[in-house]
Amino acid sequence: MQTGNSLSLNIRGSLLSLASPQVMGILNATPDSFYAASRKQTEHEIIERVCQIRDEGASIIDVGAYSTRPGADDVSSEEELRRLSGTLQIVRREWPEAIVSVDTFRADVARACVEEYGADIVNDIGGGLFDDKMFATIAALRVPYVLMHIAGTPQTMHQPPAYTDCATEVFRALAERLAQLQAMGVADVILDPGFGFSKTVDDNYRLFACLGEFRRLEQPLLVGVSRKSMIWKPLCITPNEALNGTTVLHALALQAGANILRVHDVKEAVQAVKLYEKVKTKI
């Protein structure tokens, strides 16, 4: 949503300004997400992680319950909702004012999480392609929606298609899906180029180099590169060692116009935003 010369999101009738970049902290209610430290399942672990996310300065909590790492098992919608509902109930009980995003590609799960468990944002890795009811559901729910680019399915996306021009094709795909959503009356769409999803390491960097082009679509831009293989593979390290590389890319993403960073390491991302803002005020 445009408000004057800046972007914002309508969260339960109040505007969250994106004039300064925001940080979205990851909370995985899964036993098998690719970064082991992000997995939280017990009530104590969930409370501890949300405390950390909030204390370190993130404005959004992103709750997911379906791992998309290579080789991860499929999870039924019933099991996904069981994991999400339990987590959301804890978060809403302890922090009713928190802004919570739910990471799901299933329309029925998204609806339940918003209507019954208080989620504020739907973060869809499928970009509406995995569930043909998703766009209509978002239009009815009237909540902000993260539209991510992907090709294939969660089980095949790690076998990326052959792009002629990755950045151009991702841009066009998001533009087309954005137009569909806007025609259905969806006001708050956040664009996510989908780093790591159906893209090779080289594809990811070609896309990253063109990140600023996505500002032409005049929507908030979310970047999710935290500890992904596009960082640790070229450096011959592990996800556990990828914080420094993540911070480097976060700084470059902010320079290119990212409005939201989706991260595992909130403190370091918030520090990157603060320093970026400091530089920006001197230009």
Protein backbone atom coordinates (compact mmCIF):
# COMPACT_ATOMS: atom_id res chain seq x y z
CA MET A 1 0.00 0.00 0.00
CA GLN A 2 1.22 3.52 -0.89
CA THR A 3 0.80 6.19 1.80
CA GLY A 4 2.06 9.49 0.46
CA ASN A 5 5.57 8.85 -0.81
CA SER A 6 6.19 5.77 1.31
CA LEU A 7 4.93 2.21 1.62
CA SER A 8 2.95 0.78 4.51
CA LEU A 9 0.94 -2.29 5.52
CA ASN A 10 -2.56 -2.29 6.98
CA ILE A 11 -2.35 -4.45 10.10
CA ARG A 12 -5.72 -4.77 11.84
CA GLY A 13 -6.67 -1.24 10.83
CA SER A 14 -3.35 0.36 11.80
CA LEU A 15 -0.60 1.24 9.35
CA LEU A 16 2.87 -0.25 9.71
CA SER A 17 5.17 2.19 7.95
CA LEU A 18 7.91 0.77 5.77
CA ALA A 19 9.66 4.12 5.42
CA SER A 20 12.39 2.41 7.42
CA PRO A 21 13.11 -1.26 6.59
CA GLN A 22 11.53 -3.80 8.93
CA VAL A 23 12.91 -7.11 10.20
CA MET A 24 10.82 -10.31 10.21
CA GLY A 25 12.07 -12.94 12.65
CA ILE A 26 11.66 -16.61 11.77
CA LEU A 27 9.96 -19.06 14.15
CA ASN A 28 9.82 -22.58 12.73
CA ALA A 29 7.32 -24.89 14.46
CA THR A 30 8.91 -27.84 12.68
CA PRO A 31 11.24 -30.71 13.57
CA ASP A 32 13.18 -30.55 10.30
CA SER A 33 13.83 -27.02 8.99
CA PHE A 34 17.23 -26.67 7.28
CA TYR A 35 18.70 -24.46 10.02
CA ALA A 36 18.48 -26.52 13.20
CA ALA A 37 18.64 -23.56 15.57
CA SER A 38 15.37 -22.19 14.16
CA ARG A 39 13.31 -25.26 15.12
CA LYS A 40 11.03 -24.61 18.09
CA GLN A 41 8.32 -27.05 19.19
CA THR A 42 7.73 -26.95 22.95
CA GLU A 43 5.89 -24.08 24.64
CA HIS A 44 9.09 -23.08 26.45
CA GLU A 45 11.08 -23.02 23.19
CA ILE A 46 8.39 -20.98 21.43
CA ILE A 47 8.16 -18.40 24.22
CA GLU A 48 11.93 -18.17 24.44
CA ARG A 49 12.26 -17.63 20.67
CA VAL A 50 9.52 -15.00 20.49
CA CYS A 51 11.10 -13.15 23.43
CA GLN A 52 14.39 -13.18 21.54
CA ILE A 53 12.81 -11.98 18.27
CA ARG A 54 11.05 -9.09 20.02
CA ASP A 55 13.90 -8.15 22.36
CA GLU A 56 16.34 -7.99 19.45
CA GLY A 57 14.11 -5.56 17.54
CA ALA A 58 12.07 -7.41 14.90
CA SER A 59 8.64 -5.94 14.16
CA ILE A 60 7.15 -9.10 12.59
CA ILE A 61 7.18 -12.74 13.71
CA ASP A 62 6.95 -15.26 10.85
CA VAL A 63 5.60 -18.64 11.98
CA GLY A 64 6.04 -21.66 9.71
CA ALA A 65 5.19 -25.34 10.13
CA TYR A 66 6.13 -26.89 6.76
CA SER A 67 9.81 -27.39 6.03
CA THR A 68 10.92 -26.74 2.45
CA ARG A 69 14.50 -27.96 2.84
CA PRO A 70 15.70 -30.54 0.25
CA GLY A 71 14.40 -33.99 1.11
CA ALA A 72 11.89 -32.80 3.70
CA ASP A 73 8.77 -34.92 4.14
CA ASP A 74 5.40 -33.72 2.96
CA VAL A 75 3.18 -32.57 5.83
CA SER A 76 -0.61 -32.90 5.73
CA SER A 77 -2.74 -29.79 6.08
CA GLU A 78 -4.11 -31.19 9.33
CA GLU A 79 -0.62 -31.58 10.82
CA GLU A 80 0.49 -28.20 9.51
CA LEU A 81 -2.52 -26.51 11.10
CA ARG A 82 -2.00 -28.41 14.36
CA ARG A 83 1.55 -27.10 14.59
CA LEU A 84 0.59 -23.57 13.59
CA SER A 85 -2.48 -23.28 15.79
CA GLY A 86 -0.60 -24.38 18.90
CA THR A 87 2.18 -21.89 18.23
CA LEU A 88 -0.15 -19.02 17.34
CA GLN A 89 -2.24 -19.56 20.46
CA ILE A 90 0.88 -19.25 22.61
CA VAL A 91 2.04 -16.12 20.78
CA ARG A 92 -1.37 -14.45 20.94
CA ARG A 93 -1.80 -15.31 24.62
CA GLU A 94 1.57 -13.86 25.59
CA TRP A 95 1.86 -11.02 23.05
CA PRO A 96 -1.62 -10.02 21.76
CA GLU A 97 -0.24 -6.88 20.12
CA ALA A 98 2.52 -8.64 18.13
CA ILE A 99 2.43 -8.60 14.34
CA VAL A 100 2.40 -12.23 13.22
CA SER A 101 2.88 -13.65 9.75
CA VAL A 102 1.91 -17.26 8.96
CA ASP A 103 4.01 -19.12 6.41
CA THR A 104 1.69 -21.44 4.46
CA PHE A 105 0.76 -22.18 0.85
CA ARG A 106 -2.64 -23.70 1.76
CA ALA A 107 -5.74 -21.51 1.60
CA ASP A 108 -7.68 -23.42 4.26
CA VAL A 109 -4.74 -23.25 6.66
CA ALA A 110 -4.28 -19.53 5.96
CA ARG A 111 -7.98 -18.84 6.61
CA ALA A 112 -7.98 -20.74 9.90
CA CYS A 113 -4.80 -19.05 11.08
CA VAL A 114 -6.21 -15.57 10.37
CA GLU A 115 -9.81 -16.08 11.47
CA GLU A 116 -9.30 -18.40 14.44
CA TYR A 117 -5.75 -17.79 15.66
CA GLY A 118 -5.09 -14.14 14.90
CA ALA A 119 -2.44 -14.17 12.17
CA ASP A 120 -1.99 -10.74 10.55
CA ILE A 121 -0.11 -11.59 7.35
CA VAL A 122 -0.09 -14.62 5.03
CA ASN A 123 3.34 -15.54 3.65
CA ASP A 124 2.82 -17.90 0.70
CA ILE A 125 5.88 -19.60 -0.81
CA GLY A 126 3.60 -20.92 -3.54
CA GLY A 127 2.60 -17.48 -4.81
CA GLY A 128 -0.94 -18.79 -5.23
CA LEU A 129 0.20 -21.56 -7.58
CA PHE A 130 -0.03 -24.44 -5.07
CA ASP A 131 -3.65 -23.75 -4.10
CA ASP A 132 -6.08 -22.21 -6.59
CA LYS A 133 -8.23 -20.90 -3.73
CA MET A 134 -5.46 -18.84 -2.17
CA PHE A 135 -5.99 -15.54 -4.02
CA ALA A 136 -9.75 -15.55 -3.39
CA THR A 137 -9.10 -16.39 0.25
CA ILE A 138 -6.66 -13.49 0.65
CA ALA A 139 -9.13 -11.13 -1.03
CA ALA A 140 -11.81 -12.22 1.43
CA LEU A 141 -9.54 -12.07 4.49
CA ARG A 142 -8.22 -8.59 3.56
CA VAL A 143 -4.82 -9.14 5.13
CA PRO A 144 -1.35 -8.37 3.72
CA TYR A 145 -0.04 -11.14 1.48
CA VAL A 146 3.55 -12.11 0.68
CA LEU A 147 3.61 -13.14 -2.99
CA MET A 148 6.72 -15.24 -3.57
CA HIS A 149 8.12 -16.50 -6.85
CA ILE A 150 8.61 -20.24 -7.26
CA ALA A 151 8.55 -22.81 -10.03
CA GLY A 152 7.64 -26.44 -9.40
CA THR A 153 6.48 -27.77 -6.04
CA PRO A 154 8.10 -27.99 -2.58
CA GLN A 155 9.30 -31.46 -3.58
CA THR A 156 10.73 -30.44 -7.00
CA MET A 157 11.77 -26.81 -6.51
CA HIS A 158 15.37 -27.82 -5.78
CA GLN A 159 15.60 -29.01 -9.40
CA PRO A 160 15.38 -25.54 -10.94
CA PRO A 161 14.08 -24.85 -14.44
CA ALA A 162 16.38 -23.52 -17.14
CA TYR A 163 15.85 -19.76 -17.24
CA THR A 164 16.66 -17.74 -20.32
CA ASP A 165 16.88 -14.63 -18.13
CA CYS A 166 16.14 -15.42 -14.48
CA ALA A 167 15.63 -11.85 -13.26
CA THR A 168 13.36 -10.87 -16.14
CA GLU A 169 11.28 -14.04 -15.87
CA VAL A 170 10.85 -13.68 -12.11
CA PHE A 171 9.91 -10.00 -12.53
CA ARG A 172 7.29 -10.81 -15.18
CA ALA A 173 5.81 -13.66 -13.18
CA LEU A 174 5.44 -11.52 -10.06
CA ALA A 175 4.01 -8.64 -12.08
CA GLU A 176 1.37 -10.91 -13.62
CA ARG A 177 0.37 -12.41 -10.26
CA LEU A 178 0.33 -8.96 -8.66
CA ALA A 179 -2.07 -7.71 -11.35
CA GLN A 180 -4.41 -10.62 -10.63
CA LEU A 181 -4.42 -9.85 -6.91
CA GLN A 182 -5.00 -6.15 -7.46
CA ALA A 183 -7.89 -6.91 -9.82
CA MET A 184 -9.44 -8.92 -6.96
CA GLY A 185 -9.12 -5.94 -4.61
CA VAL A 186 -6.09 -7.06 -2.60
CA ALA A 187 -4.48 -3.83 -1.38
CA ASP A 188 -1.42 -5.05 0.52
CA VAL A 189 0.93 -7.24 -1.51
CA ILE A 190 4.54 -7.82 -0.48
CA LEU A 191 6.80 -9.11 -3.26
CA ASP A 192 9.38 -11.83 -2.57
CA PRO A 193 11.67 -12.89 -5.48
CA GLY A 194 12.05 -16.31 -3.85
CA PHE A 195 15.79 -16.68 -3.35
CA GLY A 196 16.67 -20.35 -3.10
CA PHE A 197 13.37 -21.55 -4.50
CA SER A 198 13.66 -23.20 -7.95
CA LYS A 199 16.88 -21.33 -8.66
CA THR A 200 20.55 -22.31 -8.91
CA VAL A 201 23.20 -20.45 -6.95
CA ASP A 202 24.08 -18.49 -10.09
CA ASP A 203 20.38 -17.76 -10.75
CA ASN A 204 20.09 -16.38 -7.23
CA TYR A 205 22.98 -13.98 -7.75
CA ARG A 206 21.75 -12.86 -11.17
CA LEU A 207 18.40 -12.15 -9.52
CA PHE A 208 20.01 -10.42 -6.55
CA ALA A 209 22.02 -8.15 -8.86
CA CYS A 210 18.72 -6.92 -10.36
CA LEU A 211 16.89 -6.54 -7.04
CA GLY A 212 16.44 -2.80 -7.44
CA GLU A 213 14.35 -3.38 -10.58
CA PHE A 214 11.52 -4.78 -8.47
CA ARG A 215 10.92 -1.33 -7.01
CA ARG A 216 9.29 -0.48 -10.34
CA LEU A 217 6.29 -2.55 -9.23
CA GLU A 218 5.72 -0.06 -6.38
CA GLN A 219 5.07 -2.69 -3.73
CA PRO A 220 6.99 -3.58 -0.55
CA LEU A 221 9.91 -5.89 -1.26
CA LEU A 222 10.81 -8.78 1.06
CA VAL A 223 14.21 -10.44 0.87
CA GLY A 224 14.77 -13.85 2.44
CA VAL A 225 18.37 -15.01 2.06
CA SER A 226 19.16 -15.84 5.68
CA ARG A 227 21.73 -18.67 5.91
CA LYS A 228 20.60 -20.10 2.54
CA SER A 229 22.71 -22.25 0.26
CA MET A 230 23.39 -19.31 -2.06
CA ILE A 231 25.62 -18.10 0.79
CA TRP A 232 27.19 -21.22 2.22
CA LYS A 233 27.77 -23.17 -1.00
CA PRO A 234 30.05 -20.59 -2.70
CA LEU A 235 31.93 -20.12 0.57
CA CYS A 236 32.26 -23.88 1.20
CA ILE A 237 30.85 -23.55 4.71
CA THR A 238 27.69 -24.75 6.50
CA PRO A 239 24.44 -22.92 7.34
CA ASN A 240 25.71 -22.62 10.91
CA GLU A 241 28.67 -20.60 9.61
CA ALA A 242 26.69 -18.38 7.23
CA LEU A 243 25.83 -15.41 9.47
CA ASN A 244 28.57 -13.14 8.15
CA GLY A 245 27.63 -13.81 4.52
CA THR A 246 23.98 -13.28 5.37
CA THR A 247 24.73 -9.87 6.86
CA VAL A 248 26.70 -8.86 3.77
CA LEU A 249 23.75 -9.69 1.52
CA HIS A 250 21.33 -7.97 3.90
CA ALA A 251 23.32 -4.75 3.57
CA LEU A 252 23.29 -5.03 -0.23
CA ALA A 253 19.55 -5.83 -0.23
CA LEU A 254 18.82 -2.72 1.84
CA GLN A 255 20.86 -0.64 -0.57
CA ALA A 256 18.80 -2.07 -3.44
CA GLY A 257 15.54 -1.09 -1.74
CA ALA A 258 14.42 -4.06 0.39
CA ASN A 259 11.65 -3.09 2.81
CA ILE A 260 11.55 -6.29 4.88
CA LEU A 261 14.34 -8.71 5.76
CA ARG A 262 13.16 -12.22 6.74
CA VAL A 263 15.86 -13.54 9.05
CA HIS A 264 17.01 -16.13 11.55
CA ASP A 265 19.41 -13.72 13.27
CA VAL A 266 17.38 -10.70 14.31
CA LYS A 267 19.99 -8.72 16.25
CA GLU A 268 22.47 -8.65 13.38
CA ALA A 269 19.78 -7.75 10.82
CA VAL A 270 18.48 -4.91 12.99
CA GLN A 271 22.04 -3.62 13.35
CA ALA A 272 22.44 -3.73 9.55
CA VAL A 273 19.23 -1.69 9.17
CA LYS A 274 20.37 0.88 11.74
CA LEU A 275 23.71 1.41 10.01
CA TYR A 276 22.07 1.55 6.59
CA GLU A 277 19.65 4.20 7.88
CA LYS A 278 22.59 6.14 9.33
CA VAL A 279 24.29 6.20 5.93
CA LYS A 280 21.05 7.08 4.15
CA THR A 281 20.55 10.21 6.27
CA LYS A 282 23.95 11.50 5.13
CA ILE A 283 23.34 11.10 1.39
